[in-house]
Amino acid sequence: MGELLELAIGVIAIAALVALAARPVNRVAWRVENGLSLVSAALILFAMLLVSAEVISRKLFNMPIPGQLELGELLMPPIIFLAIAYTQATGGHVRMTIVIDHMPPAWRHAAEIIVKILAIAVYAVLCFYSAKFAWRTWQFQDVTMSPPYFLIWPSAIMVPIGMFLVTLRVYLEVLHLLFPKLLPEDEPGLASASTAE
């Protein structure tokens, strides 16, 4: 319970600092999200080429590529978590709005803020504990179970990076919903927040 209290204090402190420089933080976050989404797309292409090469190598030459399955598994966290904040920023996540759509505008606005604050709490916890896991895999130099024994931590560290960025993005959306003059709608990356209004 002490860890969660420390986490809550840390999140509040970071939130206060971000609120002081919301526009510059939003612009930097948007650039980082765009860059990481391109990395994610490149990794998808690489995974596709790797699987294709494995199929061709196995069928035509009867020579499987060693570690292809393990490498494919290790590519999944970066593919997913490096693009998660970008997807949030562009409003690409699936939203269930059947209840919210039937609320009066003021209630809808309040519900969006409450849901986003709850999301921040969940994302922050996931970020913290996934960072602890990544740190542990780095300390022990944990590797995959079969040859060629890839290190796990480079893949594991992508989860807290992605969770931190999506936490930051949702917090910027909350700032936009609470203080539209502080972070106006024309700022990049606020597509998800703008659909709430």
C-alpha atoms as a PDB file:
ATOM      1  CA  MET A   1       0.000   0.000   0.000  1.00  0.00           C
ATOM      2  CA  GLY A   2       2.957   2.294   0.623  1.00  0.00           C
ATOM      3  CA  GLU A   3       4.066   1.935  -2.996  1.00  0.00           C
ATOM      4  CA  LEU A   4       0.662   3.046  -4.258  1.00  0.00           C
ATOM      5  CA  LEU A   5       0.702   6.080  -1.960  1.00  0.00           C
ATOM      6  CA  GLU A   6       4.152   7.038  -3.242  1.00  0.00           C
ATOM      7  CA  LEU A   7       2.903   6.512  -6.787  1.00  0.00           C
ATOM      8  CA  ALA A   8      -0.128   8.749  -6.156  1.00  0.00           C
ATOM      9  CA  ILE A   9       2.094  11.508  -4.757  1.00  0.00           C
ATOM     10  CA  GLY A  10       4.441  11.170  -7.736  1.00  0.00           C
ATOM     11  CA  VAL A  11       1.569  11.332 -10.229  1.00  0.00           C
ATOM     12  CA  ILE A  12       0.151  14.441  -8.557  1.00  0.00           C
ATOM     13  CA  ALA A  13       3.581  16.120  -8.552  1.00  0.00           C
ATOM     14  CA  ILE A  14       4.160  15.342 -12.240  1.00  0.00           C
ATOM     15  CA  ALA A  15       0.613  16.487 -13.050  1.00  0.00           C
ATOM     16  CA  ALA A  16       1.278  19.832 -11.360  1.00  0.00           C
ATOM     17  CA  LEU A  17       4.504  20.318 -13.315  1.00  0.00           C
ATOM     18  CA  VAL A  18       2.836  19.381 -16.614  1.00  0.00           C
ATOM     19  CA  ALA A  19      -0.029  21.808 -15.920  1.00  0.00           C
ATOM     20  CA  LEU A  20       2.498  24.651 -15.622  1.00  0.00           C
ATOM     21  CA  ALA A  21       3.779  24.007 -19.144  1.00  0.00           C
ATOM     22  CA  ALA A  22       0.827  22.275 -20.799  1.00  0.00           C
ATOM     23  CA  ARG A  23       1.278  23.588 -24.353  1.00  0.00           C
ATOM     24  CA  PRO A  24       5.009  22.849 -24.711  1.00  0.00           C
ATOM     25  CA  VAL A  25       4.565  19.448 -23.052  1.00  0.00           C
ATOM     26  CA  ASN A  26       1.665  18.667 -25.396  1.00  0.00           C
ATOM     27  CA  ARG A  27       3.703  19.585 -28.465  1.00  0.00           C
ATOM     28  CA  VAL A  28       6.715  17.528 -27.361  1.00  0.00           C
ATOM     29  CA  ALA A  29       4.457  14.597 -26.460  1.00  0.00           C
ATOM     30  CA  TRP A  30       2.782  14.816 -29.873  1.00  0.00           C
ATOM     31  CA  ARG A  31       6.160  14.671 -31.643  1.00  0.00           C
ATOM     32  CA  VAL A  32       7.302  11.735 -29.500  1.00  0.00           C
ATOM     33  CA  GLU A  33       4.000   9.903 -30.086  1.00  0.00           C
ATOM     34  CA  ASN A  34       4.304  10.407 -33.842  1.00  0.00           C
ATOM     35  CA  GLY A  35       7.892   9.195 -33.870  1.00  0.00           C
ATOM     36  CA  LEU A  36       7.140   6.123 -31.778  1.00  0.00           C
ATOM     37  CA  SER A  37       4.124   5.253 -33.925  1.00  0.00           C
ATOM     38  CA  LEU A  38       6.461   5.221 -36.934  1.00  0.00           C
ATOM     39  CA  VAL A  39       8.840   2.933 -35.029  1.00  0.00           C
ATOM     40  CA  SER A  40       5.873   0.692 -34.218  1.00  0.00           C
ATOM     41  CA  ALA A  41       4.863   0.604 -37.893  1.00  0.00           C
ATOM     42  CA  ALA A  42       8.443  -0.264 -38.908  1.00  0.00           C
ATOM     43  CA  LEU A  43       8.467  -3.090 -36.362  1.00  0.00           C
ATOM     44  CA  ILE A  44       5.208  -4.437 -37.797  1.00  0.00           C
ATOM     45  CA  LEU A  45       6.825  -4.460 -41.234  1.00  0.00           C
ATOM     46  CA  PHE A  46       9.935  -6.168 -39.823  1.00  0.00           C
ATOM     47  CA  ALA A  47       7.815  -8.818 -38.047  1.00  0.00           C
ATOM     48  CA  MET A  48       5.918  -9.465 -41.249  1.00  0.00           C
ATOM     49  CA  LEU A  49       9.153  -9.858 -43.237  1.00  0.00           C
ATOM     50  CA  LEU A  50      10.619 -12.097 -40.521  1.00  0.00           C
ATOM     51  CA  VAL A  51       7.616 -14.433 -40.563  1.00  0.00           C
ATOM     52  CA  SER A  52       7.628 -14.480 -44.389  1.00  0.00           C
ATOM     53  CA  ALA A  53      11.350 -15.296 -44.437  1.00  0.00           C
ATOM     54  CA  GLU A  54      10.743 -18.071 -41.883  1.00  0.00           C
ATOM     55  CA  VAL A  55       7.990 -19.628 -44.008  1.00  0.00           C
ATOM     56  CA  ILE A  56      10.075 -19.453 -47.195  1.00  0.00           C
ATOM     57  CA  SER A  57      13.209 -20.720 -45.446  1.00  0.00           C
ATOM     58  CA  ARG A  58      11.361 -23.611 -43.823  1.00  0.00           C
ATOM     59  CA  LYS A  59       9.374 -24.684 -46.903  1.00  0.00           C
ATOM     60  CA  LEU A  60      11.944 -24.169 -49.660  1.00  0.00           C
ATOM     61  CA  PHE A  61      15.218 -24.922 -47.902  1.00  0.00           C
ATOM     62  CA  ASN A  62      14.044 -26.934 -44.873  1.00  0.00           C
ATOM     63  CA  MET A  63      16.006 -24.490 -42.682  1.00  0.00           C
ATOM     64  CA  PRO A  64      13.976 -22.665 -40.040  1.00  0.00           C
ATOM     65  CA  ILE A  65      15.286 -19.330 -38.792  1.00  0.00           C
ATOM     66  CA  PRO A  66      16.534 -19.863 -35.204  1.00  0.00           C
ATOM     67  CA  GLY A  67      14.740 -17.683 -32.662  1.00  0.00           C
ATOM     68  CA  GLN A  68      12.098 -16.416 -35.081  1.00  0.00           C
ATOM     69  CA  LEU A  69       9.224 -17.304 -32.759  1.00  0.00           C
ATOM     70  CA  GLU A  70      10.915 -15.777 -29.702  1.00  0.00           C
ATOM     71  CA  LEU A  71      11.849 -12.617 -31.604  1.00  0.00           C
ATOM     72  CA  GLY A  72       8.282 -12.335 -32.885  1.00  0.00           C
ATOM     73  CA  GLU A  73       6.989 -12.565 -29.315  1.00  0.00           C
ATOM     74  CA  LEU A  74       9.478  -9.935 -28.138  1.00  0.00           C
ATOM     75  CA  LEU A  75       8.327  -7.578 -30.894  1.00  0.00           C
ATOM     76  CA  MET A  76       4.724  -7.548 -29.647  1.00  0.00           C
ATOM     77  CA  PRO A  77       5.177  -5.146 -26.669  1.00  0.00           C
ATOM     78  CA  PRO A  78       7.006  -2.485 -28.714  1.00  0.00           C
ATOM     79  CA  ILE A  79       4.527  -2.815 -31.582  1.00  0.00           C
ATOM     80  CA  ILE A  80       1.574  -2.295 -29.251  1.00  0.00           C
ATOM     81  CA  PHE A  81       2.844   0.026 -26.541  1.00  0.00           C
ATOM     82  CA  LEU A  82       4.886   2.415 -28.676  1.00  0.00           C
ATOM     83  CA  ALA A  83       1.733   3.314 -30.616  1.00  0.00           C
ATOM     84  CA  ILE A  84      -0.801   3.347 -27.762  1.00  0.00           C
ATOM     85  CA  ALA A  85      -0.426   7.060 -26.923  1.00  0.00           C
ATOM     86  CA  TYR A  86      -0.608   8.049 -30.601  1.00  0.00           C
ATOM     87  CA  THR A  87      -3.797   6.030 -30.955  1.00  0.00           C
ATOM     88  CA  GLN A  88      -5.241   7.854 -27.927  1.00  0.00           C
ATOM     89  CA  ALA A  89      -4.162  11.230 -29.299  1.00  0.00           C
ATOM     90  CA  THR A  90      -5.861  10.607 -32.641  1.00  0.00           C
ATOM     91  CA  GLY A  91      -9.051   9.187 -31.116  1.00  0.00           C
ATOM     92  CA  GLY A  92      -8.363   5.739 -32.528  1.00  0.00           C
ATOM     93  CA  HIS A  93      -9.260   3.660 -29.493  1.00  0.00           C
ATOM     94  CA  VAL A  94     -12.626   1.937 -29.436  1.00  0.00           C
ATOM     95  CA  ARG A  95     -15.057   3.879 -27.257  1.00  0.00           C
ATOM     96  CA  MET A  96     -18.277   2.622 -25.737  1.00  0.00           C
ATOM     97  CA  THR A  97     -20.474   5.715 -25.674  1.00  0.00           C
ATOM     98  CA  ILE A  98     -24.018   4.349 -25.655  1.00  0.00           C
ATOM     99  CA  VAL A  99     -24.675   5.748 -22.166  1.00  0.00           C
ATOM    100  CA  ILE A 100     -22.633   8.935 -22.524  1.00  0.00           C
ATOM    101  CA  ASP A 101     -24.297   9.819 -25.845  1.00  0.00           C
ATOM    102  CA  HIS A 102     -27.699  10.001 -24.124  1.00  0.00           C
ATOM    103  CA  MET A 103     -26.537  12.299 -21.307  1.00  0.00           C
ATOM    104  CA  PRO A 104     -27.073  16.048 -21.251  1.00  0.00           C
ATOM    105  CA  PRO A 105     -23.940  17.936 -22.420  1.00  0.00           C
ATOM    106  CA  ALA A 106     -22.884  19.029 -18.919  1.00  0.00           C
ATOM    107  CA  TRP A 107     -23.163  15.474 -17.579  1.00  0.00           C
ATOM    108  CA  ARG A 108     -21.344  14.101 -20.609  1.00  0.00           C
ATOM    109  CA  HIS A 109     -18.512  16.567 -20.024  1.00  0.00           C
ATOM    110  CA  ALA A 110     -18.280  15.569 -16.329  1.00  0.00           C
ATOM    111  CA  ALA A 111     -18.450  11.854 -17.171  1.00  0.00           C
ATOM    112  CA  GLU A 112     -15.613  12.207 -19.695  1.00  0.00           C
ATOM    113  CA  ILE A 113     -13.433  13.911 -17.091  1.00  0.00           C
ATOM    114  CA  ILE A 114     -14.205  11.284 -14.426  1.00  0.00           C
ATOM    115  CA  VAL A 115     -13.519   8.385 -16.804  1.00  0.00           C
ATOM    116  CA  LYS A 116     -10.252   9.960 -17.957  1.00  0.00           C
ATOM    117  CA  ILE A 117      -9.129  10.518 -14.348  1.00  0.00           C
ATOM    118  CA  LEU A 118      -9.878   6.861 -13.579  1.00  0.00           C
ATOM    119  CA  ALA A 119      -7.929   5.883 -16.715  1.00  0.00           C
ATOM    120  CA  ILE A 120      -4.968   7.957 -15.510  1.00  0.00           C
ATOM    121  CA  ALA A 121      -4.995   6.059 -12.213  1.00  0.00           C
ATOM    122  CA  VAL A 122      -5.091   2.665 -13.953  1.00  0.00           C
ATOM    123  CA  TYR A 123      -2.423   3.632 -16.504  1.00  0.00           C
ATOM    124  CA  ALA A 124      -0.144   5.010 -13.780  1.00  0.00           C
ATOM    125  CA  VAL A 125      -0.369   1.758 -11.804  1.00  0.00           C
ATOM    126  CA  LEU A 126       0.320  -0.284 -14.953  1.00  0.00           C
ATOM    127  CA  CYS A 127       3.254   1.990 -15.788  1.00  0.00           C
ATOM    128  CA  PHE A 128       4.745   1.646 -12.307  1.00  0.00           C
ATOM    129  CA  TYR A 129       4.483  -2.129 -12.028  1.00  0.00           C
ATOM    130  CA  SER A 130       5.576  -2.789 -15.607  1.00  0.00           C
ATOM    131  CA  ALA A 131       8.614  -0.562 -14.958  1.00  0.00           C
ATOM    132  CA  LYS A 132       9.413  -2.654 -11.885  1.00  0.00           C
ATOM    133  CA  PHE A 133       9.159  -5.820 -13.993  1.00  0.00           C
ATOM    134  CA  ALA A 134      11.393  -4.350 -16.727  1.00  0.00           C
ATOM    135  CA  TRP A 135      13.935  -3.287 -14.095  1.00  0.00           C
ATOM    136  CA  ARG A 136      13.951  -6.804 -12.660  1.00  0.00           C
ATOM    137  CA  THR A 137      14.490  -8.370 -16.097  1.00  0.00           C
ATOM    138  CA  TRP A 138      17.400  -5.982 -16.647  1.00  0.00           C
ATOM    139  CA  GLN A 139      18.952  -6.725 -13.243  1.00  0.00           C
ATOM    140  CA  PHE A 140      18.836 -10.478 -13.813  1.00  0.00           C
ATOM    141  CA  GLN A 141      19.644 -10.195 -17.524  1.00  0.00           C
ATOM    142  CA  ASP A 142      16.617 -12.411 -18.133  1.00  0.00           C
ATOM    143  CA  VAL A 143      16.555 -14.168 -21.512  1.00  0.00           C
ATOM    144  CA  THR A 144      14.087 -16.170 -23.597  1.00  0.00           C
ATOM    145  CA  MET A 145      13.753 -19.874 -22.787  1.00  0.00           C
ATOM    146  CA  SER A 146      15.239 -21.215 -26.009  1.00  0.00           C
ATOM    147  CA  PRO A 147      18.248 -20.367 -28.202  1.00  0.00           C
ATOM    148  CA  PRO A 148      19.464 -17.904 -29.353  1.00  0.00           C
ATOM    149  CA  TYR A 149      18.505 -16.504 -25.906  1.00  0.00           C
ATOM    150  CA  PHE A 150      17.362 -12.940 -26.584  1.00  0.00           C
ATOM    151  CA  LEU A 151      17.380 -10.505 -23.668  1.00  0.00           C
ATOM    152  CA  ILE A 152      13.853  -9.721 -22.450  1.00  0.00           C
ATOM    153  CA  TRP A 153      14.369  -6.266 -20.942  1.00  0.00           C
ATOM    154  CA  PRO A 154      14.504  -4.275 -24.230  1.00  0.00           C
ATOM    155  CA  SER A 155      11.013  -5.547 -24.991  1.00  0.00           C
ATOM    156  CA  ALA A 156       9.793  -5.233 -21.393  1.00  0.00           C
ATOM    157  CA  ILE A 157      10.856  -1.575 -21.109  1.00  0.00           C
ATOM    158  CA  MET A 158       8.490  -0.644 -23.946  1.00  0.00           C
ATOM    159  CA  VAL A 159       5.451  -1.310 -21.747  1.00  0.00           C
ATOM    160  CA  PRO A 160       6.175   1.385 -19.119  1.00  0.00           C
ATOM    161  CA  ILE A 161       7.300   3.800 -21.835  1.00  0.00           C
ATOM    162  CA  GLY A 162       3.998   3.361 -23.659  1.00  0.00           C
ATOM    163  CA  MET A 163       1.969   3.472 -20.444  1.00  0.00           C
ATOM    164  CA  PHE A 164       3.723   6.665 -19.328  1.00  0.00           C
ATOM    165  CA  LEU A 165       2.998   8.346 -22.643  1.00  0.00           C
ATOM    166  CA  VAL A 166      -0.672   7.315 -22.708  1.00  0.00           C
ATOM    167  CA  THR A 167      -1.021   8.482 -19.087  1.00  0.00           C
ATOM    168  CA  LEU A 168       0.459  11.834 -20.081  1.00  0.00           C
ATOM    169  CA  ARG A 169      -1.805  12.057 -23.153  1.00  0.00           C
ATOM    170  CA  VAL A 170      -4.976  11.349 -21.153  1.00  0.00           C
ATOM    171  CA  TYR A 171      -3.903  13.906 -18.528  1.00  0.00           C
ATOM    172  CA  LEU A 172      -3.432  16.508 -21.279  1.00  0.00           C
ATOM    173  CA  GLU A 173      -6.945  15.671 -22.471  1.00  0.00           C
ATOM    174  CA  VAL A 174      -8.262  16.242 -18.940  1.00  0.00           C
ATOM    175  CA  LEU A 175      -6.490  19.612 -18.851  1.00  0.00           C
ATOM    176  CA  HIS A 176      -8.118  20.469 -22.170  1.00  0.00           C
ATOM    177  CA  LEU A 177     -11.567  19.502 -20.880  1.00  0.00           C
ATOM    178  CA  LEU A 178     -11.127  21.398 -17.597  1.00  0.00           C
ATOM    179  CA  PHE A 179      -9.261  24.439 -18.910  1.00  0.00           C
ATOM    180  CA  PRO A 180      -9.863  24.876 -22.657  1.00  0.00           C
ATOM    181  CA  LYS A 181      -7.969  28.187 -22.695  1.00  0.00           C
ATOM    182  CA  LEU A 182      -4.885  26.555 -21.163  1.00  0.00           C
ATOM    183  CA  LEU A 183      -4.834  23.845 -23.826  1.00  0.00           C
ATOM    184  CA  PRO A 184      -7.108  24.893 -26.725  1.00  0.00           C
ATOM    185  CA  GLU A 185      -8.710  22.483 -29.177  1.00  0.00           C
ATOM    186  CA  ASP A 186      -6.390  23.463 -32.041  1.00  0.00           C
ATOM    187  CA  GLU A 187      -3.406  21.974 -30.189  1.00  0.00           C
ATOM    188  CA  PRO A 188      -2.161  18.730 -31.769  1.00  0.00           C
ATOM    189  CA  GLY A 189      -3.132  15.412 -30.206  1.00  0.00           C
ATOM    190  CA  LEU A 190      -6.449  16.405 -28.665  1.00  0.00           C
ATOM    191  CA  ALA A 191      -8.735  14.534 -31.097  1.00  0.00           C
ATOM    192  CA  SER A 192      -9.903  12.130 -28.414  1.00  0.00           C
ATOM    193  CA  ALA A 193     -10.693  14.932 -25.983  1.00  0.00           C
ATOM    194  CA  SER A 194     -12.458  17.018 -28.613  1.00  0.00           C
ATOM    195  CA  THR A 195     -14.940  14.250 -29.416  1.00  0.00           C
ATOM    196  CA  ALA A 196     -16.128  14.357 -25.805  1.00  0.00           C
ATOM    197  CA  GLU A 197     -17.526  17.859 -26.031  1.00  0.00           C
END
